[in-house]
C-alpha atoms as a PDB file:
ATOM      1  CA  UNK A   1      76.799 -79.864  74.910  1.00  0.00           C
ATOM      2  CA  UNK A   2      79.629 -77.245  75.060  1.00  0.00           C
ATOM      3  CA  UNK A   3      80.116 -75.710  78.501  1.00  0.00           C
ATOM      4  CA  UNK A   4      79.649 -72.093  77.068  1.00  0.00           C
ATOM      5  CA  UNK A   5      76.417 -72.971  75.179  1.00  0.00           C
ATOM      6  CA  UNK A   6      75.070 -74.759  78.350  1.00  0.00           C
ATOM      7  CA  UNK A   7      75.794 -71.629  80.564  1.00  0.00           C
ATOM      8  CA  UNK A   8      74.167 -69.507  78.175  1.00  0.00           C
ATOM      9  CA  UNK A   9      71.142 -71.606  77.770  1.00  0.00           C
ATOM     10  CA  UNK A  10      70.863 -72.276  81.616  1.00  0.00           C
ATOM     11  CA  UNK A  11      70.936 -68.546  82.210  1.00  0.00           C
ATOM     12  CA  UNK A  12      68.313 -67.657  79.697  1.00  0.00           C
ATOM     13  CA  UNK A  13      65.914 -70.253  81.156  1.00  0.00           C
ATOM     14  CA  UNK A  14      66.749 -69.021  84.811  1.00  0.00           C
ATOM     15  CA  UNK A  15      65.904 -65.453  83.804  1.00  0.00           C
ATOM     16  CA  UNK A  16      62.293 -66.457  82.881  1.00  0.00           C
ATOM     17  CA  UNK A  17      61.876 -68.783  85.871  1.00  0.00           C
ATOM     18  CA  UNK A  18      61.718 -71.896  83.722  1.00  0.00           C
ATOM     19  CA  UNK A  19      62.849 -75.367  85.060  1.00  0.00           C
ATOM     20  CA  UNK A  20      66.221 -76.288  83.193  1.00  0.00           C
ATOM     21  CA  UNK A  21      65.018 -79.793  82.065  1.00  0.00           C
ATOM     22  CA  UNK A  22      67.293 -81.760  79.678  1.00  0.00           C
ATOM     23  CA  UNK A  23      65.073 -81.029  76.622  1.00  0.00           C
ATOM     24  CA  UNK A  24      64.673 -77.289  77.399  1.00  0.00           C
ATOM     25  CA  UNK A  25      68.648 -76.890  78.178  1.00  0.00           C
ATOM     26  CA  UNK A  26      69.412 -78.644  74.792  1.00  0.00           C
ATOM     27  CA  UNK A  27      67.087 -76.606  72.647  1.00  0.00           C
ATOM     28  CA  UNK A  28      67.858 -73.442  74.406  1.00  0.00           C
ATOM     29  CA  UNK A  29      71.507 -73.998  73.825  1.00  0.00           C
ATOM     30  CA  UNK A  30      70.827 -74.420  70.013  1.00  0.00           C
ATOM     31  CA  UNK A  31      68.682 -71.071  70.159  1.00  0.00           C
ATOM     32  CA  UNK A  32      70.808 -68.902  72.190  1.00  0.00           C
ATOM     33  CA  UNK A  33      73.795 -70.645  73.591  1.00  0.00           C
ATOM     34  CA  UNK A  34      76.179 -68.671  71.210  1.00  0.00           C
ATOM     35  CA  UNK A  35      74.490 -65.204  72.007  1.00  0.00           C
ATOM     36  CA  UNK A  36      73.153 -64.800  68.424  1.00  0.00           C
ATOM     37  CA  UNK A  37      69.527 -64.222  67.547  1.00  0.00           C
ATOM     38  CA  UNK A  38      67.661 -66.873  65.610  1.00  0.00           C
ATOM     39  CA  UNK A  39      64.394 -67.403  63.656  1.00  0.00           C
ATOM     40  CA  UNK A  40      63.501 -70.904  63.576  1.00  0.00           C
ATOM     41  CA  UNK A  41      60.443 -73.180  62.739  1.00  0.00           C
ATOM     42  CA  UNK A  42      59.698 -76.062  65.031  1.00  0.00           C
ATOM     43  CA  UNK A  43      60.670 -78.376  62.357  1.00  0.00           C
ATOM     44  CA  UNK A  44      64.212 -76.572  61.659  1.00  0.00           C
ATOM     45  CA  UNK A  45      64.907 -76.714  65.482  1.00  0.00           C
ATOM     46  CA  UNK A  46      63.978 -80.373  65.639  1.00  0.00           C
ATOM     47  CA  UNK A  47      66.301 -81.052  62.746  1.00  0.00           C
ATOM     48  CA  UNK A  48      69.133 -78.948  64.506  1.00  0.00           C
ATOM     49  CA  UNK A  49      68.559 -80.927  67.683  1.00  0.00           C
ATOM     50  CA  UNK A  50      68.667 -84.273  65.773  1.00  0.00           C
ATOM     51  CA  UNK A  51      71.866 -83.201  64.006  1.00  0.00           C
ATOM     52  CA  UNK A  52      73.401 -82.279  67.431  1.00  0.00           C
ATOM     53  CA  UNK A  53      72.391 -85.811  68.625  1.00  0.00           C
ATOM     54  CA  UNK A  54      69.637 -84.796  71.053  1.00  0.00           C
ATOM     55  CA  UNK A  55      67.017 -87.268  71.175  1.00  0.00           C
ATOM     56  CA  UNK A  56      63.861 -85.117  71.286  1.00  0.00           C
ATOM     57  CA  UNK A  57      60.538 -85.474  69.595  1.00  0.00           C
ATOM     58  CA  UNK A  58      58.963 -82.853  67.195  1.00  0.00           C
ATOM     59  CA  UNK A  59      56.046 -82.619  69.634  1.00  0.00           C
ATOM     60  CA  UNK A  60      58.416 -81.864  72.577  1.00  0.00           C
ATOM     61  CA  UNK A  61      59.945 -78.981  70.247  1.00  0.00           C
ATOM     62  CA  UNK A  62      56.529 -77.545  69.702  1.00  0.00           C
ATOM     63  CA  UNK A  63      55.674 -77.777  73.433  1.00  0.00           C
ATOM     64  CA  UNK A  64      59.067 -76.119  74.350  1.00  0.00           C
ATOM     65  CA  UNK A  65      58.844 -73.263  71.807  1.00  0.00           C
ATOM     66  CA  UNK A  66      55.303 -72.623  73.255  1.00  0.00           C
ATOM     67  CA  UNK A  67      56.703 -72.597  76.904  1.00  0.00           C
ATOM     68  CA  UNK A  68      59.595 -70.206  75.647  1.00  0.00           C
ATOM     69  CA  UNK A  69      56.944 -67.780  74.051  1.00  0.00           C
ATOM     70  CA  UNK A  70      54.670 -67.863  77.241  1.00  0.00           C
ATOM     71  CA  UNK A  71      57.831 -67.213  79.476  1.00  0.00           C
ATOM     72  CA  UNK A  72      58.541 -64.210  77.314  1.00  0.00           C
ATOM     73  CA  UNK A  73      61.788 -65.690  76.043  1.00  0.00           C
ATOM     74  CA  UNK A  74      60.674 -65.646  72.256  1.00  0.00           C
ATOM     75  CA  UNK A  75      58.130 -64.134  69.833  1.00  0.00           C
ATOM     76  CA  UNK A  76      56.092 -66.097  67.580  1.00  0.00           C
ATOM     77  CA  UNK A  77      55.966 -64.566  64.041  1.00  0.00           C
ATOM     78  CA  UNK A  78      52.992 -66.105  61.833  1.00  0.00           C
ATOM     79  CA  UNK A  79      53.824 -65.588  58.221  1.00  0.00           C
ATOM     80  CA  UNK A  80      50.733 -67.386  56.841  1.00  0.00           C
ATOM     81  CA  UNK A  81      48.094 -69.248  58.446  1.00  0.00           C
ATOM     82  CA  UNK A  82      50.227 -72.518  58.240  1.00  0.00           C
ATOM     83  CA  UNK A  83      53.697 -71.344  59.240  1.00  0.00           C
ATOM     84  CA  UNK A  84      55.110 -69.990  62.460  1.00  0.00           C
ATOM     85  CA  UNK A  85      58.611 -68.605  63.110  1.00  0.00           C
ATOM     86  CA  UNK A  86      59.965 -68.341  66.574  1.00  0.00           C
ATOM     87  CA  UNK A  87      62.246 -65.236  67.169  1.00  0.00           C
ATOM     88  CA  UNK A  88      64.720 -64.945  69.949  1.00  0.00           C
ATOM     89  CA  UNK A  89      65.031 -61.217  69.422  1.00  0.00           C
ATOM     90  CA  UNK A  90      62.490 -59.453  71.614  1.00  0.00           C
ATOM     91  CA  UNK A  91      62.470 -55.806  70.639  1.00  0.00           C
ATOM     92  CA  UNK A  92      60.125 -54.588  68.206  1.00  0.00           C
ATOM     93  CA  UNK A  93      61.376 -55.072  64.612  1.00  0.00           C
ATOM     94  CA  UNK A  94      60.029 -55.776  61.286  1.00  0.00           C
ATOM     95  CA  UNK A  95      60.916 -58.766  59.171  1.00  0.00           C
ATOM     96  CA  UNK A  96      61.660 -59.725  55.600  1.00  0.00           C
ATOM     97  CA  UNK A  97      60.162 -63.014  54.430  1.00  0.00           C
ATOM     98  CA  UNK A  98      61.682 -64.660  51.280  1.00  0.00           C
ATOM     99  CA  UNK A  99      58.833 -66.489  49.598  1.00  0.00           C
ATOM    100  CA  UNK A 100      61.140 -68.677  47.462  1.00  0.00           C
ATOM    101  CA  UNK A 101      63.052 -69.998  50.311  1.00  0.00           C
ATOM    102  CA  UNK A 102      60.875 -69.459  53.369  1.00  0.00           C
ATOM    103  CA  UNK A 103      63.429 -67.561  55.092  1.00  0.00           C
ATOM    104  CA  UNK A 104      62.728 -65.029  57.616  1.00  0.00           C
ATOM    105  CA  UNK A 105      65.275 -62.372  58.582  1.00  0.00           C
ATOM    106  CA  UNK A 106      65.264 -59.150  60.462  1.00  0.00           C
ATOM    107  CA  UNK A 107      64.656 -55.927  58.535  1.00  0.00           C
ATOM    108  CA  UNK A 108      66.036 -52.516  59.593  1.00  0.00           C
ATOM    109  CA  UNK A 109      63.679 -51.225  62.033  1.00  0.00           C
ATOM    110  CA  UNK A 110      65.155 -47.592  61.726  1.00  0.00           C
ATOM    111  CA  UNK A 111      63.918 -47.645  58.132  1.00  0.00           C
ATOM    112  CA  UNK A 112      60.208 -48.369  59.059  1.00  0.00           C
ATOM    113  CA  UNK A 113      57.805 -45.845  60.027  1.00  0.00           C
ATOM    114  CA  UNK A 114      54.137 -46.436  61.066  1.00  0.00           C
ATOM    115  CA  UNK A 115      52.381 -43.105  61.223  1.00  0.00           C
ATOM    116  CA  UNK A 116      49.158 -44.135  62.625  1.00  0.00           C
ATOM    117  CA  UNK A 117      47.514 -47.374  63.904  1.00  0.00           C
ATOM    118  CA  UNK A 118      43.815 -47.582  63.773  1.00  0.00           C
ATOM    119  CA  UNK A 119      41.651 -46.829  67.035  1.00  0.00           C
ATOM    120  CA  UNK A 120      41.542 -50.100  69.057  1.00  0.00           C
ATOM    121  CA  UNK A 121      38.237 -51.543  69.941  1.00  0.00           C
ATOM    122  CA  UNK A 122      36.715 -50.771  73.213  1.00  0.00           C
ATOM    123  CA  UNK A 123      38.373 -52.704  76.091  1.00  0.00           C
ATOM    124  CA  UNK A 124      41.406 -53.595  73.816  1.00  0.00           C
ATOM    125  CA  UNK A 125      45.027 -52.338  73.614  1.00  0.00           C
ATOM    126  CA  UNK A 126      47.839 -52.908  71.033  1.00  0.00           C
ATOM    127  CA  UNK A 127      50.014 -55.633  72.555  1.00  0.00           C
ATOM    128  CA  UNK A 128      52.277 -55.766  69.503  1.00  0.00           C
ATOM    129  CA  UNK A 129      52.532 -54.974  65.842  1.00  0.00           C
ATOM    130  CA  UNK A 130      54.129 -57.625  63.654  1.00  0.00           C
ATOM    131  CA  UNK A 131      55.407 -56.340  60.154  1.00  0.00           C
ATOM    132  CA  UNK A 132      56.270 -59.053  57.657  1.00  0.00           C
ATOM    133  CA  UNK A 133      57.394 -57.815  54.279  1.00  0.00           C
ATOM    134  CA  UNK A 134      57.105 -60.616  51.685  1.00  0.00           C
ATOM    135  CA  UNK A 135      60.011 -60.645  49.154  1.00  0.00           C
ATOM    136  CA  UNK A 136      60.323 -62.348  45.865  1.00  0.00           C
ATOM    137  CA  UNK A 137      63.381 -62.507  43.789  1.00  0.00           C
ATOM    138  CA  UNK A 138      63.485 -60.619  40.502  1.00  0.00           C
END
């Protein structure tokens, strides 16, 4: 693993108080080591890890992504009931989902207006609003 990627990954984990295990460091380096934001599925991150020569199981990738979400390092975006994407960009922003390629990309947040949210049920508060705009090619 490149020293710059490792340093970025280590800082990312340390900022959330996560122990830097070998697997976490390897996956974190793939996710944020270069400073770019990513939308990944567990399967795509597993494939990237394998391509990078990291011996990590798909179950470990799933568990690590859950730990990263629980620590506030990533957000899980559910596109449909069977597919979740994990986003390293934490600010509130909408997404475009290309149905033909199953690709999730950021949409311009300055072009989205939500005029009003429904009243929340008693005892509840809005934690987050996920906006996924599904696209098809014409």
